[in-house]
């Protein structure tokens, strides 16, 4: 470490890096998905039915894969499926 040329100069502040923590496992945005989440598609490629955790056969959309980070878009799709099942 080099000595300061001017001893009257203030000592620079230390830079402390904040530690980042994993958001954990779950279905909230930023968390790691604990399982795959699929949703069936109808004849017009519109999502239909509940969210399932294994491929339902036929045409289906993978909303989020196991161990992937849940995004806002994936969370919206999961919420939309829950709302349709509750209302329907």
PDB file of N, CA and C in Angstrom:
ATOM      1  N   UNK A   1       0.853  -1.166   0.000  1.00  0.00           N
ATOM      2  CA  UNK A   1       0.000   0.000   0.000  1.00  0.00           C
ATOM      3  C   UNK A   1       0.901   1.232   0.000  1.00  0.00           C
ATOM      4  N   UNK A   2       0.598   2.168  -0.859  1.00  0.00           N
ATOM      5  CA  UNK A   2       1.412   3.379  -0.972  1.00  0.00           C
ATOM      6  C   UNK A   2       1.070   4.354   0.153  1.00  0.00           C
ATOM      7  N   UNK A   3       2.100   5.036   0.623  1.00  0.00           N
ATOM      8  CA  UNK A   3       1.892   6.042   1.672  1.00  0.00           C
ATOM      9  C   UNK A   3       1.287   7.294   1.042  1.00  0.00           C
ATOM     10  N   UNK A   4       0.466   7.992   1.831  1.00  0.00           N
ATOM     11  CA  UNK A   4      -0.116   9.242   1.328  1.00  0.00           C
ATOM     12  C   UNK A   4       0.972  10.291   1.226  1.00  0.00           C
ATOM     13  N   UNK A   5       0.896  11.073   0.177  1.00  0.00           N
ATOM     14  CA  UNK A   5       1.902  12.117  -0.030  1.00  0.00           C
ATOM     15  C   UNK A   5       1.682  13.288   0.911  1.00  0.00           C
ATOM     16  N   UNK A   6       0.435  13.552   1.226  1.00  0.00           N
ATOM     17  CA  UNK A   6       0.117  14.679   2.093  1.00  0.00           C
ATOM     18  C   UNK A   6      -0.551  14.123   3.356  1.00  0.00           C
ATOM     19  N   UNK A   7       0.080  14.149   4.505  1.00  0.00           N
ATOM     20  CA  UNK A   7      -0.506  13.587   5.724  1.00  0.00           C
ATOM     21  C   UNK A   7      -1.746  14.344   6.204  1.00  0.00           C
ATOM     22  N   UNK A   8      -1.996  15.549   5.701  1.00  0.00           N
ATOM     23  CA  UNK A   8      -3.192  16.296   6.096  1.00  0.00           C
ATOM     24  C   UNK A   8      -4.424  15.858   5.311  1.00  0.00           C
ATOM     25  N   UNK A   9      -4.219  15.046   4.284  1.00  0.00           N
ATOM     26  CA  UNK A   9      -5.329  14.560   3.469  1.00  0.00           C
ATOM     27  C   UNK A   9      -6.176  13.603   4.302  1.00  0.00           C
ATOM     28  N   UNK A  10      -7.506  13.704   4.225  1.00  0.00           N
ATOM     29  CA  UNK A  10      -8.342  12.764   4.994  1.00  0.00           C
ATOM     30  C   UNK A  10      -8.210  11.343   4.441  1.00  0.00           C
ATOM     31  N   UNK A  11      -8.355  10.396   5.313  1.00  0.00           N
ATOM     32  CA  UNK A  11      -8.304   8.992   4.902  1.00  0.00           C
ATOM     33  C   UNK A  11      -9.576   8.667   4.125  1.00  0.00           C
ATOM     34  N   UNK A  12      -9.458   8.045   2.950  1.00  0.00           N
ATOM     35  CA  UNK A  12     -10.655   7.704   2.184  1.00  0.00           C
ATOM     36  C   UNK A  12     -11.507   6.676   2.934  1.00  0.00           C
ATOM     37  N   UNK A  13     -12.793   6.780   2.757  1.00  0.00           N
ATOM     38  CA  UNK A  13     -13.714   5.851   3.403  1.00  0.00           C
ATOM     39  C   UNK A  13     -13.563   4.465   2.793  1.00  0.00           C
ATOM     40  N   UNK A  14     -13.737   3.471   3.611  1.00  0.00           N
ATOM     41  CA  UNK A  14     -13.657   2.098   3.119  1.00  0.00           C
ATOM     42  C   UNK A  14     -14.912   1.781   2.308  1.00  0.00           C
ATOM     43  N   UNK A  15     -14.737   1.010   1.290  1.00  0.00           N
ATOM     44  CA  UNK A  15     -15.865   0.587   0.469  1.00  0.00           C
ATOM     45  C   UNK A  15     -16.326  -0.768   0.989  1.00  0.00           C
ATOM     46  N   UNK A  16     -17.571  -0.832   1.406  1.00  0.00           N
ATOM     47  CA  UNK A  16     -18.125  -2.071   1.922  1.00  0.00           C
ATOM     48  C   UNK A  16     -19.200  -2.535   0.954  1.00  0.00           C
ATOM     49  N   UNK A  17     -19.013  -3.710   0.437  1.00  0.00           N
ATOM     50  CA  UNK A  17     -19.981  -4.265  -0.514  1.00  0.00           C
ATOM     51  C   UNK A  17     -21.090  -4.954   0.268  1.00  0.00           C
ATOM     52  N   UNK A  18     -22.319  -4.642  -0.075  1.00  0.00           N
ATOM     53  CA  UNK A  18     -23.440  -5.289   0.599  1.00  0.00           C
ATOM     54  C   UNK A  18     -23.511  -6.743   0.153  1.00  0.00           C
ATOM     55  N   UNK A  19     -23.935  -7.587   1.046  1.00  0.00           N
ATOM     56  CA  UNK A  19     -24.051  -8.998   0.722  1.00  0.00           C
ATOM     57  C   UNK A  19     -25.428  -9.261   0.141  1.00  0.00           C
ATOM     58  N   UNK A  20     -25.449 -10.063  -0.892  1.00  0.00           N
ATOM     59  CA  UNK A  20     -26.714 -10.412  -1.523  1.00  0.00           C
ATOM     60  C   UNK A  20     -27.139 -11.788  -1.023  1.00  0.00           C
ATOM     61  N   UNK A  21     -28.401 -11.921  -0.727  1.00  0.00           N
ATOM     62  CA  UNK A  21     -28.933 -13.185  -0.245  1.00  0.00           C
ATOM     63  C   UNK A  21     -29.930 -13.727  -1.255  1.00  0.00           C
ATOM     64  N   UNK A  22     -29.985 -15.020  -1.377  1.00  0.00           N
ATOM     65  CA  UNK A  22     -30.965 -15.653  -2.258  1.00  0.00           C
ATOM     66  C   UNK A  22     -32.364 -15.407  -1.692  1.00  0.00           C
ATOM     67  N   UNK A  23     -33.331 -15.264  -2.582  1.00  0.00           N
ATOM     68  CA  UNK A  23     -34.698 -14.983  -2.157  1.00  0.00           C
ATOM     69  C   UNK A  23     -35.412 -16.221  -1.639  1.00  0.00           C
ATOM     70  N   UNK A  24     -34.786 -17.371  -1.777  1.00  0.00           N
ATOM     71  CA  UNK A  24     -35.403 -18.595  -1.279  1.00  0.00           C
ATOM     72  C   UNK A  24     -36.192 -19.303  -2.360  1.00  0.00           C
ATOM     73  N   UNK A  25     -36.856 -20.361  -1.949  1.00  0.00           N
ATOM     74  CA  UNK A  25     -37.637 -21.175  -2.873  1.00  0.00           C
ATOM     75  C   UNK A  25     -39.107 -20.872  -2.664  1.00  0.00           C
ATOM     76  N   UNK A  26     -39.821 -20.655  -3.752  1.00  0.00           N
ATOM     77  CA  UNK A  26     -41.257 -20.375  -3.664  1.00  0.00           C
ATOM     78  C   UNK A  26     -41.779 -19.844  -4.980  1.00  0.00           C
ATOM     79  N   UNK A  27     -42.997 -19.370  -4.960  1.00  0.00           N
ATOM     80  CA  UNK A  27     -43.656 -18.916  -6.185  1.00  0.00           C
ATOM     81  C   UNK A  27     -43.743 -17.400  -6.293  1.00  0.00           C
ATOM     82  N   UNK A  28     -43.071 -16.658  -5.408  1.00  0.00           N
ATOM     83  CA  UNK A  28     -43.088 -15.200  -5.479  1.00  0.00           C
ATOM     84  C   UNK A  28     -41.980 -14.706  -6.415  1.00  0.00           C
ATOM     85  N   UNK A  29     -42.147 -13.490  -6.944  1.00  0.00           N
ATOM     86  CA  UNK A  29     -41.167 -12.903  -7.853  1.00  0.00           C
ATOM     87  C   UNK A  29     -39.798 -12.861  -7.177  1.00  0.00           C
ATOM     88  N   UNK A  30     -38.783 -13.343  -7.899  1.00  0.00           N
ATOM     89  CA  UNK A  30     -37.419 -13.343  -7.385  1.00  0.00           C
ATOM     90  C   UNK A  30     -37.021 -14.631  -6.688  1.00  0.00           C
ATOM     91  N   UNK A  31     -37.990 -15.453  -6.343  1.00  0.00           N
ATOM     92  CA  UNK A  31     -37.677 -16.724  -5.695  1.00  0.00           C
ATOM     93  C   UNK A  31     -37.390 -17.792  -6.747  1.00  0.00           C
ATOM     94  N   UNK A  32     -36.807 -18.893  -6.304  1.00  0.00           N
ATOM     95  CA  UNK A  32     -36.540 -20.028  -7.180  1.00  0.00           C
ATOM     96  C   UNK A  32     -37.745 -20.951  -7.165  1.00  0.00           C
ATOM     97  N   UNK A  33     -38.230 -21.302  -8.355  1.00  0.00           N
ATOM     98  CA  UNK A  33     -39.415 -22.165  -8.464  1.00  0.00           C
ATOM     99  C   UNK A  33     -39.107 -23.559  -7.915  1.00  0.00           C
ATOM    100  N   UNK A  34     -39.954 -24.075  -7.021  1.00  0.00           N
ATOM    101  CA  UNK A  34     -39.709 -25.394  -6.450  1.00  0.00           C
ATOM    102  C   UNK A  34     -40.045 -26.538  -7.407  1.00  0.00           C
ATOM    103  N   UNK A  35     -40.784 -26.246  -8.468  1.00  0.00           N
ATOM    104  CA  UNK A  35     -41.223 -27.276  -9.402  1.00  0.00           C
ATOM    105  C   UNK A  35     -41.570 -26.622 -10.732  1.00  0.00           C
ATOM    106  N   UNK A  36     -41.723 -27.431 -11.774  1.00  0.00           N
ATOM    107  CA  UNK A  36     -42.194 -26.906 -13.054  1.00  0.00           C
ATOM    108  C   UNK A  36     -43.639 -26.447 -12.898  1.00  0.00           C
ATOM    109  N   UNK A  37     -44.046 -25.468 -13.702  1.00  0.00           N
ATOM    110  CA  UNK A  37     -45.439 -25.027 -13.712  1.00  0.00           C
ATOM    111  C   UNK A  37     -45.902 -24.955 -15.169  1.00  0.00           C
ATOM    112  N   UNK A  38     -46.873 -25.790 -15.508  1.00  0.00           N
ATOM    113  CA  UNK A  38     -47.425 -25.852 -16.865  1.00  0.00           C
ATOM    114  C   UNK A  38     -48.887 -25.428 -16.849  1.00  0.00           C
ATOM    115  N   UNK A  39     -49.346 -25.028 -18.014  1.00  0.00           N
ATOM    116  CA  UNK A  39     -50.765 -24.749 -18.184  1.00  0.00           C
ATOM    117  C   UNK A  39     -51.172 -25.227 -19.568  1.00  0.00           C
ATOM    118  N   UNK A  40     -52.269 -25.952 -19.663  1.00  0.00           N
ATOM    119  CA  UNK A  40     -52.761 -26.467 -20.941  1.00  0.00           C
ATOM    120  C   UNK A  40     -53.179 -25.329 -21.856  1.00  0.00           C
ATOM    121  N   UNK A  41     -53.105 -25.579 -23.165  1.00  0.00           N
ATOM    122  CA  UNK A  41     -53.558 -24.614 -24.158  1.00  0.00           C
ATOM    123  C   UNK A  41     -54.726 -25.218 -24.920  1.00  0.00           C
ATOM    124  N   UNK A  42     -55.745 -24.391 -25.222  1.00  0.00           N
ATOM    125  CA  UNK A  42     -56.887 -24.882 -25.982  1.00  0.00           C
ATOM    126  C   UNK A  42     -56.563 -24.886 -27.481  1.00  0.00           C
ATOM    127  N   UNK A  43     -57.575 -25.148 -28.323  1.00  0.00           N
ATOM    128  CA  UNK A  43     -57.378 -25.224 -29.772  1.00  0.00           C
ATOM    129  C   UNK A  43     -56.918 -23.914 -30.388  1.00  0.00           C
ATOM    130  N   UNK A  44     -57.123 -22.805 -29.691  1.00  0.00           N
ATOM    131  CA  UNK A  44     -56.730 -21.484 -30.192  1.00  0.00           C
ATOM    132  C   UNK A  44     -55.471 -20.974 -29.488  1.00  0.00           C
ATOM    133  N   UNK A  45     -54.762 -21.872 -28.822  1.00  0.00           N
ATOM    134  CA  UNK A  45     -53.522 -21.567 -28.088  1.00  0.00           C
ATOM    135  C   UNK A  45     -53.729 -20.613 -26.922  1.00  0.00           C
ATOM    136  N   UNK A  46     -54.936 -20.571 -26.394  1.00  0.00           N
ATOM    137  CA  UNK A  46     -55.212 -19.765 -25.205  1.00  0.00           C
ATOM    138  C   UNK A  46     -55.036 -20.652 -23.969  1.00  0.00           C
ATOM    139  N   UNK A  47     -54.398 -20.124 -22.919  1.00  0.00           N
ATOM    140  CA  UNK A  47     -54.231 -20.932 -21.708  1.00  0.00           C
ATOM    141  C   UNK A  47     -55.579 -21.297 -21.098  1.00  0.00           C
ATOM    142  N   UNK A  48     -55.673 -22.515 -20.622  1.00  0.00           N
ATOM    143  CA  UNK A  48     -56.919 -22.977 -20.021  1.00  0.00           C
ATOM    144  C   UNK A  48     -56.612 -23.971 -18.907  1.00  0.00           C
ATOM    145  N   UNK A  49     -57.493 -24.061 -17.948  1.00  0.00           N
ATOM    146  CA  UNK A  49     -57.327 -25.020 -16.866  1.00  0.00           C
ATOM    147  C   UNK A  49     -56.357 -24.564 -15.795  1.00  0.00           C
ATOM    148  N   UNK A  50     -56.168 -25.427 -14.821  1.00  0.00           N
ATOM    149  CA  UNK A  50     -55.296 -25.075 -13.690  1.00  0.00           C
ATOM    150  C   UNK A  50     -53.814 -25.211 -14.038  1.00  0.00           C
ATOM    151  N   UNK A  51     -52.978 -24.678 -13.178  1.00  0.00           N
ATOM    152  CA  UNK A  51     -51.527 -24.860 -13.288  1.00  0.00           C
ATOM    153  C   UNK A  51     -51.221 -26.245 -12.730  1.00  0.00           C
ATOM    154  N   UNK A  52     -50.434 -27.010 -13.487  1.00  0.00           N
ATOM    155  CA  UNK A  52     -50.031 -28.348 -13.038  1.00  0.00           C
ATOM    156  C   UNK A  52     -48.504 -28.414 -13.032  1.00  0.00           C
ATOM    157  N   UNK A  53     -47.963 -29.401 -12.335  1.00  0.00           N
ATOM    158  CA  UNK A  53     -46.520 -29.461 -12.160  1.00  0.00           C
ATOM    159  C   UNK A  53     -45.840 -30.547 -12.979  1.00  0.00           C
ATOM    160  N   UNK A  54     -46.589 -31.213 -13.856  1.00  0.00           N
ATOM    161  CA  UNK A  54     -46.003 -32.113 -14.843  1.00  0.00           C
ATOM    162  C   UNK A  54     -46.740 -31.855 -16.151  1.00  0.00           C
ATOM    163  N   UNK A  55     -46.100 -32.140 -17.265  1.00  0.00           N
ATOM    164  CA  UNK A  55     -46.698 -31.818 -18.564  1.00  0.00           C
ATOM    165  C   UNK A  55     -48.051 -32.509 -18.690  1.00  0.00           C
ATOM    166  N   UNK A  56     -49.106 -31.749 -18.982  1.00  0.00           N
ATOM    167  CA  UNK A  56     -50.444 -32.324 -19.020  1.00  0.00           C
ATOM    168  C   UNK A  56     -50.739 -33.111 -20.288  1.00  0.00           C
ATOM    169  N   UNK A  57     -49.820 -33.165 -21.228  1.00  0.00           N
ATOM    170  CA  UNK A  57     -50.068 -33.844 -22.501  1.00  0.00           C
ATOM    171  C   UNK A  57     -50.710 -32.873 -23.473  1.00  0.00           C
ATOM    172  N   UNK A  58     -50.612 -33.167 -24.740  1.00  0.00           N
ATOM    173  CA  UNK A  58     -51.154 -32.254 -25.738  1.00  0.00           C
ATOM    174  C   UNK A  58     -50.351 -30.969 -25.781  1.00  0.00           C
ATOM    175  N   UNK A  59     -51.022 -29.872 -26.039  1.00  0.00           N
ATOM    176  CA  UNK A  59     -50.347 -28.578 -26.096  1.00  0.00           C
ATOM    177  C   UNK A  59     -50.386 -27.925 -24.720  1.00  0.00           C
ATOM    178  N   UNK A  60     -49.236 -27.463 -24.286  1.00  0.00           N
ATOM    179  CA  UNK A  60     -49.148 -26.822 -22.974  1.00  0.00           C
ATOM    180  C   UNK A  60     -48.026 -25.796 -23.001  1.00  0.00           C
ATOM    181  N   UNK A  61     -48.115 -24.862 -22.096  1.00  0.00           N
ATOM    182  CA  UNK A  61     -47.093 -23.816 -21.960  1.00  0.00           C
ATOM    183  C   UNK A  61     -46.365 -24.032 -20.638  1.00  0.00           C
ATOM    184  N   UNK A  62     -45.042 -23.984 -20.712  1.00  0.00           N
ATOM    185  CA  UNK A  62     -44.235 -24.028 -19.493  1.00  0.00           C
ATOM    186  C   UNK A  62     -44.148 -22.602 -18.976  1.00  0.00           C
ATOM    187  N   UNK A  63     -44.747 -22.343 -17.834  1.00  0.00           N
ATOM    188  CA  UNK A  63     -44.753 -20.995 -17.267  1.00  0.00           C
ATOM    189  C   UNK A  63     -43.407 -20.695 -16.620  1.00  0.00           C
ATOM    190  N   UNK A  64     -42.936 -21.617 -15.808  1.00  0.00           N
ATOM    191  CA  UNK A  64     -41.621 -21.463 -15.172  1.00  0.00           C
ATOM    192  C   UNK A  64     -41.070 -22.855 -14.903  1.00  0.00           C
ATOM    193  N   UNK A  65     -39.767 -23.032 -15.142  1.00  0.00           N
ATOM    194  CA  UNK A  65     -39.118 -24.319 -14.931  1.00  0.00           C
ATOM    195  C   UNK A  65     -38.590 -24.430 -13.506  1.00  0.00           C
ATOM    196  N   UNK A  66     -38.495 -25.658 -13.039  1.00  0.00           N
ATOM    197  CA  UNK A  66     -37.958 -25.911 -11.703  1.00  0.00           C
ATOM    198  C   UNK A  66     -36.562 -25.302 -11.594  1.00  0.00           C
ATOM    199  N   UNK A  67     -36.268 -24.675 -10.478  1.00  0.00           N
ATOM    200  CA  UNK A  67     -34.984 -24.040 -10.155  1.00  0.00           C
ATOM    201  C   UNK A  67     -34.721 -22.750 -10.928  1.00  0.00           C
ATOM    202  N   UNK A  68     -35.706 -22.274 -11.705  1.00  0.00           N
ATOM    203  CA  UNK A  68     -35.562 -20.988 -12.397  1.00  0.00           C
ATOM    204  C   UNK A  68     -36.121 -19.891 -11.499  1.00  0.00           C
ATOM    205  N   UNK A  69     -35.698 -18.663 -11.737  1.00  0.00           N
ATOM    206  CA  UNK A  69     -36.198 -17.534 -10.957  1.00  0.00           C
ATOM    207  C   UNK A  69     -37.584 -17.155 -11.471  1.00  0.00           C
ATOM    208  N   UNK A  70     -38.525 -16.992 -10.570  1.00  0.00           N
ATOM    209  CA  UNK A  70     -39.886 -16.600 -10.925  1.00  0.00           C
ATOM    210  C   UNK A  70     -39.872 -15.116 -11.308  1.00  0.00           C
ATOM    211  N   UNK A  71     -40.304 -14.827 -12.520  1.00  0.00           N
ATOM    212  CA  UNK A  71     -40.332 -13.451 -13.013  1.00  0.00           C
ATOM    213  C   UNK A  71     -41.707 -12.839 -12.794  1.00  0.00           C
ATOM    214  N   UNK A  72     -41.820 -11.544 -13.045  1.00  0.00           N
ATOM    215  CA  UNK A  72     -43.123 -10.875 -12.921  1.00  0.00           C
ATOM    216  C   UNK A  72     -44.124 -11.464 -13.905  1.00  0.00           C
ATOM    217  N   UNK A  73     -43.669 -11.771 -15.125  1.00  0.00           N
ATOM    218  CA  UNK A  73     -44.556 -12.359 -16.136  1.00  0.00           C
ATOM    219  C   UNK A  73     -45.065 -13.726 -15.720  1.00  0.00           C
ATOM    220  N   UNK A  74     -44.189 -14.556 -15.168  1.00  0.00           N
ATOM    221  CA  UNK A  74     -44.593 -15.880 -14.698  1.00  0.00           C
ATOM    222  C   UNK A  74     -45.578 -15.741 -13.539  1.00  0.00           C
ATOM    223  N   UNK A  75     -45.314 -14.811 -12.638  1.00  0.00           N
ATOM    224  CA  UNK A  75     -46.212 -14.605 -11.499  1.00  0.00           C
ATOM    225  C   UNK A  75     -47.589 -14.150 -11.977  1.00  0.00           C
ATOM    226  N   UNK A  76     -47.620 -13.279 -13.021  1.00  0.00           N
ATOM    227  CA  UNK A  76     -48.905 -12.836 -13.583  1.00  0.00           C
ATOM    228  C   UNK A  76     -49.683 -14.014 -14.146  1.00  0.00           C
ATOM    229  N   UNK A  77     -48.992 -14.913 -14.855  1.00  0.00           N
ATOM    230  CA  UNK A  77     -49.672 -16.085 -15.416  1.00  0.00           C
ATOM    231  C   UNK A  77     -50.193 -17.007 -14.327  1.00  0.00           C
ATOM    232  N   UNK A  78     -49.403 -17.199 -13.275  1.00  0.00           N
ATOM    233  CA  UNK A  78     -49.859 -18.033 -12.162  1.00  0.00           C
ATOM    234  C   UNK A  78     -51.081 -17.415 -11.492  1.00  0.00           C
ATOM    235  N   UNK A  79     -51.060 -16.098 -11.293  1.00  0.00           N
ATOM    236  CA  UNK A  79     -52.188 -15.395 -10.685  1.00  0.00           C
ATOM    237  C   UNK A  79     -53.426 -15.478 -11.578  1.00  0.00           C
ATOM    238  N   UNK A  80     -53.232 -15.322 -12.894  1.00  0.00           N
ATOM    239  CA  UNK A  80     -54.354 -15.379 -13.831  1.00  0.00           C
ATOM    240  C   UNK A  80     -55.018 -16.760 -13.784  1.00  0.00           C
ATOM    241  N   UNK A  81     -54.216 -17.810 -13.703  1.00  0.00           N
ATOM    242  CA  UNK A  81     -54.764 -19.165 -13.613  1.00  0.00           C
ATOM    243  C   UNK A  81     -55.556 -19.336 -12.319  1.00  0.00           C
ATOM    244  N   UNK A  82     -55.024 -18.839 -11.216  1.00  0.00           N
ATOM    245  CA  UNK A  82     -55.730 -18.929  -9.929  1.00  0.00           C
ATOM    246  C   UNK A  82     -57.059 -18.184  -9.981  1.00  0.00           C
ATOM    247  N   UNK A  83     -57.039 -16.995 -10.586  1.00  0.00           N
ATOM    248  CA  UNK A  83     -58.259 -16.182 -10.683  1.00  0.00           C
ATOM    249  C   UNK A  83     -59.303 -16.897 -11.531  1.00  0.00           C
ATOM    250  N   UNK A  84     -58.893 -17.462 -12.670  1.00  0.00           N
ATOM    251  CA  UNK A  84     -59.839 -18.171 -13.552  1.00  0.00           C
ATOM    252  C   UNK A  84     -60.438 -19.375 -12.842  1.00  0.00           C
ATOM    253  N   UNK A  85     -59.621 -20.093 -12.072  1.00  0.00           N
ATOM    254  CA  UNK A  85     -60.128 -21.270 -11.364  1.00  0.00           C
ATOM    255  C   UNK A  85     -61.088 -20.878 -10.246  1.00  0.00           C
ATOM    256  N   UNK A  86     -60.830 -19.761  -9.605  1.00  0.00           N
ATOM    257  CA  UNK A  86     -61.687 -19.297  -8.520  1.00  0.00           C
ATOM    258  C   UNK A  86     -63.017 -18.795  -9.066  1.00  0.00           C
ATOM    259  N   UNK A  87     -62.961 -18.047 -10.161  1.00  0.00           N
ATOM    260  CA  UNK A  87     -64.175 -17.480 -10.749  1.00  0.00           C
ATOM    261  C   UNK A  87     -64.967 -18.511 -11.544  1.00  0.00           C
ATOM    262  N   UNK A  88     -64.254 -19.431 -12.175  1.00  0.00           N
ATOM    263  CA  UNK A  88     -64.882 -20.347 -13.112  1.00  0.00           C
ATOM    264  C   UNK A  88     -65.443 -21.537 -12.480  1.00  0.00           C
TER     265      UNK A  88
END
